[in-house]
Amino acid sequence: MQKNEVKVRSLKDDIVFTSQAGTKIGKCNLIRTFAQALEMADIEGFIFHCLRHTFATRLAQNGVDIYKIASSEDKAITEDLVFAGRIMKIKVLDHIIIGEEQFFSFADEGLIKRYNTNYDMKK
Protein backbone atom coordinates (compact mmCIF):
# COMPACT_ATOMS: atom_id res chain seq x y z
CA MET A 1 0.00 0.00 0.00
CA GLN A 2 1.43 3.36 -1.00
CA LYS A 3 1.68 6.17 1.51
CA ASN A 4 -1.03 8.26 -0.15
CA GLU A 5 -3.45 5.30 0.05
CA VAL A 6 -3.23 4.94 3.84
CA LYS A 7 -6.43 5.88 5.65
CA VAL A 8 -6.14 7.41 9.09
CA ARG A 9 -8.60 5.94 11.55
CA SER A 10 -10.24 7.88 14.33
CA LEU A 11 -9.07 7.00 17.84
CA LYS A 12 -12.74 6.59 18.71
CA ASP A 13 -12.94 3.63 16.31
CA ASP A 14 -13.32 0.26 18.06
CA ILE A 15 -11.82 -1.65 15.13
CA VAL A 16 -8.14 -2.52 15.52
CA PHE A 17 -7.58 -4.53 12.32
CA THR A 18 -9.31 -3.33 9.17
CA SER A 19 -9.50 -4.40 5.57
CA GLN A 20 -8.03 -2.22 2.83
CA ALA A 21 -11.50 -0.67 2.54
CA GLY A 22 -11.41 0.26 6.24
CA THR A 23 -14.07 -2.26 7.26
CA LYS A 24 -13.93 -4.81 10.05
CA ILE A 25 -12.03 -8.02 9.31
CA GLY A 26 -13.85 -11.15 10.38
CA LYS A 27 -12.21 -13.34 13.03
CA CYS A 28 -11.74 -16.29 10.64
CA ASN A 29 -10.09 -14.11 8.00
CA LEU A 30 -7.82 -12.49 10.59
CA ILE A 31 -6.71 -15.86 11.98
CA ARG A 32 -6.12 -17.26 8.49
CA THR A 33 -4.14 -14.20 7.37
CA PHE A 34 -2.08 -14.21 10.58
CA ALA A 35 -1.26 -17.91 10.08
CA GLN A 36 -0.24 -17.24 6.48
CA ALA A 37 2.01 -14.36 7.57
CA LEU A 38 3.70 -16.58 10.17
CA GLU A 39 4.22 -19.30 7.59
CA MET A 40 5.67 -16.85 5.04
CA ALA A 41 8.03 -15.47 7.69
CA ASP A 42 8.95 -19.00 8.82
CA ILE A 43 7.93 -18.26 12.43
CA GLU A 44 6.88 -21.18 14.63
CA GLY A 45 5.32 -21.26 18.09
CA PHE A 46 3.96 -17.71 17.97
CA ILE A 47 0.30 -17.10 18.70
CA PHE A 48 -1.82 -14.01 18.15
CA HIS A 49 -2.06 -13.37 21.90
CA CYS A 50 1.73 -12.84 21.99
CA LEU A 51 1.17 -9.54 20.18
CA ARG A 52 -0.67 -8.20 23.24
CA HIS A 53 2.28 -9.03 25.47
CA THR A 54 4.69 -7.43 23.02
CA PHE A 55 2.58 -4.26 22.94
CA ALA A 56 2.41 -4.11 26.74
CA THR A 57 6.19 -4.56 26.92
CA ARG A 58 6.70 -1.69 24.47
CA LEU A 59 4.39 0.54 26.53
CA ALA A 60 6.39 -0.22 29.68
CA GLN A 61 9.70 0.37 27.88
CA ASN A 62 8.41 3.77 26.78
CA GLY A 63 7.60 4.84 30.32
CA VAL A 64 3.85 4.16 30.51
CA ASP A 65 2.85 3.57 34.13
CA ILE A 66 2.66 -0.19 34.70
CA TYR A 67 -0.60 0.30 36.65
CA LYS A 68 -2.21 1.56 33.44
CA ILE A 69 -0.94 -1.46 31.51
CA ALA A 70 -2.54 -3.96 33.92
CA SER A 71 -5.87 -4.14 32.13
CA SER A 72 -9.26 -5.30 33.28
CA GLU A 73 -8.62 -8.33 31.05
CA ASP A 74 -5.44 -9.11 33.03
CA LYS A 75 -7.46 -8.88 36.22
CA ALA A 76 -10.26 -11.10 34.88
CA ILE A 77 -7.78 -13.73 33.65
CA THR A 78 -5.98 -13.71 36.98
CA GLU A 79 -9.25 -14.16 38.85
CA ASP A 80 -10.09 -17.10 36.55
CA LEU A 81 -6.68 -18.61 37.29
CA VAL A 82 -7.23 -18.23 41.04
CA PHE A 83 -10.67 -19.90 40.74
CA ALA A 84 -9.26 -22.74 38.60
CA GLY A 85 -6.40 -23.16 41.05
CA ARG A 86 -8.80 -23.44 43.96
CA ILE A 87 -10.79 -26.14 42.14
CA MET A 88 -7.57 -28.08 41.43
CA LYS A 89 -6.20 -27.39 44.94
CA ILE A 90 -3.32 -25.29 43.57
CA LYS A 91 -2.64 -22.05 45.41
CA VAL A 92 -1.97 -19.06 43.15
CA LEU A 93 0.58 -16.91 44.97
CA ASP A 94 0.87 -14.01 42.54
CA HIS A 95 0.63 -12.77 38.97
CA ILE A 96 3.32 -10.26 38.14
CA ILE A 97 3.49 -7.92 35.17
CA ILE A 98 7.08 -6.78 34.68
CA GLY A 99 8.00 -3.48 33.05
CA GLU A 100 11.43 -2.09 32.28
CA GLU A 101 12.00 -0.50 35.70
CA GLN A 102 8.78 -1.36 37.51
CA PHE A 103 6.37 -4.21 38.09
CA PHE A 104 2.75 -4.79 39.06
CA SER A 105 2.05 -7.50 41.63
CA PHE A 106 -1.52 -8.71 41.99
CA ALA A 107 -0.68 -10.05 45.47
CA ASP A 108 0.87 -6.77 46.63
CA GLU A 109 -2.25 -4.94 45.46
CA GLY A 110 -4.44 -7.33 47.45
CA LEU A 111 -6.09 -8.74 44.34
CA ILE A 112 -5.13 -12.40 44.87
CA LYS A 113 -6.66 -12.24 48.35
CA ARG A 114 -9.79 -10.55 46.94
CA TYR A 115 -10.13 -13.20 44.21
CA ASN A 116 -9.86 -15.97 46.82
CA THR A 117 -12.57 -14.24 48.86
CA ASN A 118 -14.75 -13.94 45.74
CA TYR A 119 -14.30 -17.68 45.16
CA ASP A 120 -15.32 -18.46 48.74
CA MET A 121 -18.43 -16.29 48.39
CA LYS A 122 -19.50 -18.10 45.17
CA LYS A 123 -19.23 -21.57 46.73
C-alpha atoms as a PDB file:
ATOM      1  CA  MET A   1       0.000   0.000   0.000  1.00  0.00           C
ATOM      2  CA  GLN A   2       1.432   3.358  -0.996  1.00  0.00           C
ATOM      3  CA  LYS A   3       1.685   6.175   1.510  1.00  0.00           C
ATOM      4  CA  ASN A   4      -1.033   8.255  -0.154  1.00  0.00           C
ATOM      5  CA  GLU A   5      -3.446   5.302   0.054  1.00  0.00           C
ATOM      6  CA  VAL A   6      -3.229   4.937   3.840  1.00  0.00           C
ATOM      7  CA  LYS A   7      -6.430   5.876   5.646  1.00  0.00           C
ATOM      8  CA  VAL A   8      -6.139   7.407   9.090  1.00  0.00           C
ATOM      9  CA  ARG A   9      -8.603   5.942  11.555  1.00  0.00           C
ATOM     10  CA  SER A  10     -10.235   7.876  14.330  1.00  0.00           C
ATOM     11  CA  LEU A  11      -9.066   7.005  17.836  1.00  0.00           C
ATOM     12  CA  LYS A  12     -12.742   6.589  18.706  1.00  0.00           C
ATOM     13  CA  ASP A  13     -12.940   3.630  16.306  1.00  0.00           C
ATOM     14  CA  ASP A  14     -13.315   0.256  18.056  1.00  0.00           C
ATOM     15  CA  ILE A  15     -11.816  -1.651  15.131  1.00  0.00           C
ATOM     16  CA  VAL A  16      -8.139  -2.521  15.517  1.00  0.00           C
ATOM     17  CA  PHE A  17      -7.576  -4.526  12.319  1.00  0.00           C
ATOM     18  CA  THR A  18      -9.306  -3.333   9.166  1.00  0.00           C
ATOM     19  CA  SER A  19      -9.500  -4.402   5.565  1.00  0.00           C
ATOM     20  CA  GLN A  20      -8.032  -2.217   2.831  1.00  0.00           C
ATOM     21  CA  ALA A  21     -11.496  -0.666   2.543  1.00  0.00           C
ATOM     22  CA  GLY A  22     -11.406   0.256   6.244  1.00  0.00           C
ATOM     23  CA  THR A  23     -14.069  -2.256   7.264  1.00  0.00           C
ATOM     24  CA  LYS A  24     -13.932  -4.815  10.051  1.00  0.00           C
ATOM     25  CA  ILE A  25     -12.028  -8.019   9.310  1.00  0.00           C
ATOM     26  CA  GLY A  26     -13.848 -11.152  10.383  1.00  0.00           C
ATOM     27  CA  LYS A  27     -12.208 -13.341  13.032  1.00  0.00           C
ATOM     28  CA  CYS A  28     -11.739 -16.295  10.639  1.00  0.00           C
ATOM     29  CA  ASN A  29     -10.094 -14.108   7.995  1.00  0.00           C
ATOM     30  CA  LEU A  30      -7.824 -12.490  10.587  1.00  0.00           C
ATOM     31  CA  ILE A  31      -6.712 -15.856  11.981  1.00  0.00           C
ATOM     32  CA  ARG A  32      -6.115 -17.258   8.491  1.00  0.00           C
ATOM     33  CA  THR A  33      -4.141 -14.195   7.372  1.00  0.00           C
ATOM     34  CA  PHE A  34      -2.083 -14.205  10.579  1.00  0.00           C
ATOM     35  CA  ALA A  35      -1.260 -17.909  10.084  1.00  0.00           C
ATOM     36  CA  GLN A  36      -0.244 -17.239   6.479  1.00  0.00           C
ATOM     37  CA  ALA A  37       2.008 -14.361   7.567  1.00  0.00           C
ATOM     38  CA  LEU A  38       3.700 -16.580  10.166  1.00  0.00           C
ATOM     39  CA  GLU A  39       4.219 -19.299   7.589  1.00  0.00           C
ATOM     40  CA  MET A  40       5.668 -16.852   5.042  1.00  0.00           C
ATOM     41  CA  ALA A  41       8.034 -15.469   7.695  1.00  0.00           C
ATOM     42  CA  ASP A  42       8.948 -19.001   8.823  1.00  0.00           C
ATOM     43  CA  ILE A  43       7.927 -18.262  12.426  1.00  0.00           C
ATOM     44  CA  GLU A  44       6.876 -21.178  14.627  1.00  0.00           C
ATOM     45  CA  GLY A  45       5.322 -21.260  18.087  1.00  0.00           C
ATOM     46  CA  PHE A  46       3.963 -17.707  17.972  1.00  0.00           C
ATOM     47  CA  ILE A  47       0.296 -17.101  18.700  1.00  0.00           C
ATOM     48  CA  PHE A  48      -1.816 -14.015  18.150  1.00  0.00           C
ATOM     49  CA  HIS A  49      -2.058 -13.375  21.902  1.00  0.00           C
ATOM     50  CA  CYS A  50       1.731 -12.836  21.990  1.00  0.00           C
ATOM     51  CA  LEU A  51       1.167  -9.538  20.184  1.00  0.00           C
ATOM     52  CA  ARG A  52      -0.669  -8.204  23.241  1.00  0.00           C
ATOM     53  CA  HIS A  53       2.277  -9.035  25.473  1.00  0.00           C
ATOM     54  CA  THR A  54       4.691  -7.434  23.016  1.00  0.00           C
ATOM     55  CA  PHE A  55       2.582  -4.262  22.935  1.00  0.00           C
ATOM     56  CA  ALA A  56       2.410  -4.114  26.738  1.00  0.00           C
ATOM     57  CA  THR A  57       6.189  -4.562  26.922  1.00  0.00           C
ATOM     58  CA  ARG A  58       6.700  -1.686  24.472  1.00  0.00           C
ATOM     59  CA  LEU A  59       4.387   0.541  26.533  1.00  0.00           C
ATOM     60  CA  ALA A  60       6.394  -0.223  29.679  1.00  0.00           C
ATOM     61  CA  GLN A  61       9.696   0.374  27.879  1.00  0.00           C
ATOM     62  CA  ASN A  62       8.412   3.773  26.782  1.00  0.00           C
ATOM     63  CA  GLY A  63       7.599   4.838  30.317  1.00  0.00           C
ATOM     64  CA  VAL A  64       3.851   4.161  30.509  1.00  0.00           C
ATOM     65  CA  ASP A  65       2.854   3.567  34.126  1.00  0.00           C
ATOM     66  CA  ILE A  66       2.660  -0.193  34.700  1.00  0.00           C
ATOM     67  CA  TYR A  67      -0.599   0.298  36.648  1.00  0.00           C
ATOM     68  CA  LYS A  68      -2.208   1.563  33.444  1.00  0.00           C
ATOM     69  CA  ILE A  69      -0.940  -1.462  31.510  1.00  0.00           C
ATOM     70  CA  ALA A  70      -2.536  -3.961  33.922  1.00  0.00           C
ATOM     71  CA  SER A  71      -5.872  -4.138  32.126  1.00  0.00           C
ATOM     72  CA  SER A  72      -9.262  -5.305  33.284  1.00  0.00           C
ATOM     73  CA  GLU A  73      -8.624  -8.333  31.052  1.00  0.00           C
ATOM     74  CA  ASP A  74      -5.442  -9.113  33.029  1.00  0.00           C
ATOM     75  CA  LYS A  75      -7.464  -8.884  36.218  1.00  0.00           C
ATOM     76  CA  ALA A  76     -10.259 -11.105  34.882  1.00  0.00           C
ATOM     77  CA  ILE A  77      -7.782 -13.729  33.645  1.00  0.00           C
ATOM     78  CA  THR A  78      -5.975 -13.708  36.983  1.00  0.00           C
ATOM     79  CA  GLU A  79      -9.251 -14.159  38.851  1.00  0.00           C
ATOM     80  CA  ASP A  80     -10.094 -17.097  36.551  1.00  0.00           C
ATOM     81  CA  LEU A  81      -6.678 -18.611  37.293  1.00  0.00           C
ATOM     82  CA  VAL A  82      -7.228 -18.233  41.045  1.00  0.00           C
ATOM     83  CA  PHE A  83     -10.666 -19.901  40.739  1.00  0.00           C
ATOM     84  CA  ALA A  84      -9.263 -22.744  38.604  1.00  0.00           C
ATOM     85  CA  GLY A  85      -6.395 -23.161  41.051  1.00  0.00           C
ATOM     86  CA  ARG A  86      -8.798 -23.441  43.961  1.00  0.00           C
ATOM     87  CA  ILE A  87     -10.787 -26.140  42.143  1.00  0.00           C
ATOM     88  CA  MET A  88      -7.571 -28.084  41.431  1.00  0.00           C
ATOM     89  CA  LYS A  89      -6.203 -27.386  44.939  1.00  0.00           C
ATOM     90  CA  ILE A  90      -3.319 -25.286  43.572  1.00  0.00           C
ATOM     91  CA  LYS A  91      -2.638 -22.047  45.410  1.00  0.00           C
ATOM     92  CA  VAL A  92      -1.966 -19.060  43.150  1.00  0.00           C
ATOM     93  CA  LEU A  93       0.577 -16.906  44.974  1.00  0.00           C
ATOM     94  CA  ASP A  94       0.871 -14.008  42.535  1.00  0.00           C
ATOM     95  CA  HIS A  95       0.631 -12.775  38.971  1.00  0.00           C
ATOM     96  CA  ILE A  96       3.318 -10.259  38.144  1.00  0.00           C
ATOM     97  CA  ILE A  97       3.495  -7.916  35.166  1.00  0.00           C
ATOM     98  CA  ILE A  98       7.075  -6.776  34.677  1.00  0.00           C
ATOM     99  CA  GLY A  99       8.001  -3.480  33.051  1.00  0.00           C
ATOM    100  CA  GLU A 100      11.427  -2.087  32.276  1.00  0.00           C
ATOM    101  CA  GLU A 101      12.002  -0.498  35.702  1.00  0.00           C
ATOM    102  CA  GLN A 102       8.776  -1.356  37.514  1.00  0.00           C
ATOM    103  CA  PHE A 103       6.370  -4.211  38.089  1.00  0.00           C
ATOM    104  CA  PHE A 104       2.751  -4.785  39.063  1.00  0.00           C
ATOM    105  CA  SER A 105       2.053  -7.503  41.629  1.00  0.00           C
ATOM    106  CA  PHE A 106      -1.521  -8.713  41.985  1.00  0.00           C
ATOM    107  CA  ALA A 107      -0.677 -10.050  45.469  1.00  0.00           C
ATOM    108  CA  ASP A 108       0.868  -6.765  46.632  1.00  0.00           C
ATOM    109  CA  GLU A 109      -2.255  -4.937  45.461  1.00  0.00           C
ATOM    110  CA  GLY A 110      -4.437  -7.327  47.453  1.00  0.00           C
ATOM    111  CA  LEU A 111      -6.092  -8.740  44.344  1.00  0.00           C
ATOM    112  CA  ILE A 112      -5.128 -12.395  44.874  1.00  0.00           C
ATOM    113  CA  LYS A 113      -6.664 -12.244  48.352  1.00  0.00           C
ATOM    114  CA  ARG A 114      -9.789 -10.550  46.941  1.00  0.00           C
ATOM    115  CA  TYR A 115     -10.130 -13.198  44.210  1.00  0.00           C
ATOM    116  CA  ASN A 116      -9.858 -15.969  46.815  1.00  0.00           C
ATOM    117  CA  THR A 117     -12.572 -14.237  48.864  1.00  0.00           C
ATOM    118  CA  ASN A 118     -14.751 -13.943  45.739  1.00  0.00           C
ATOM    119  CA  TYR A 119     -14.304 -17.682  45.155  1.00  0.00           C
ATOM    120  CA  ASP A 120     -15.321 -18.461  48.744  1.00  0.00           C
ATOM    121  CA  MET A 121     -18.433 -16.286  48.389  1.00  0.00           C
ATOM    122  CA  LYS A 122     -19.499 -18.101  45.174  1.00  0.00           C
ATOM    123  CA  LYS A 123     -19.229 -21.570  46.729  1.00  0.00           C
END
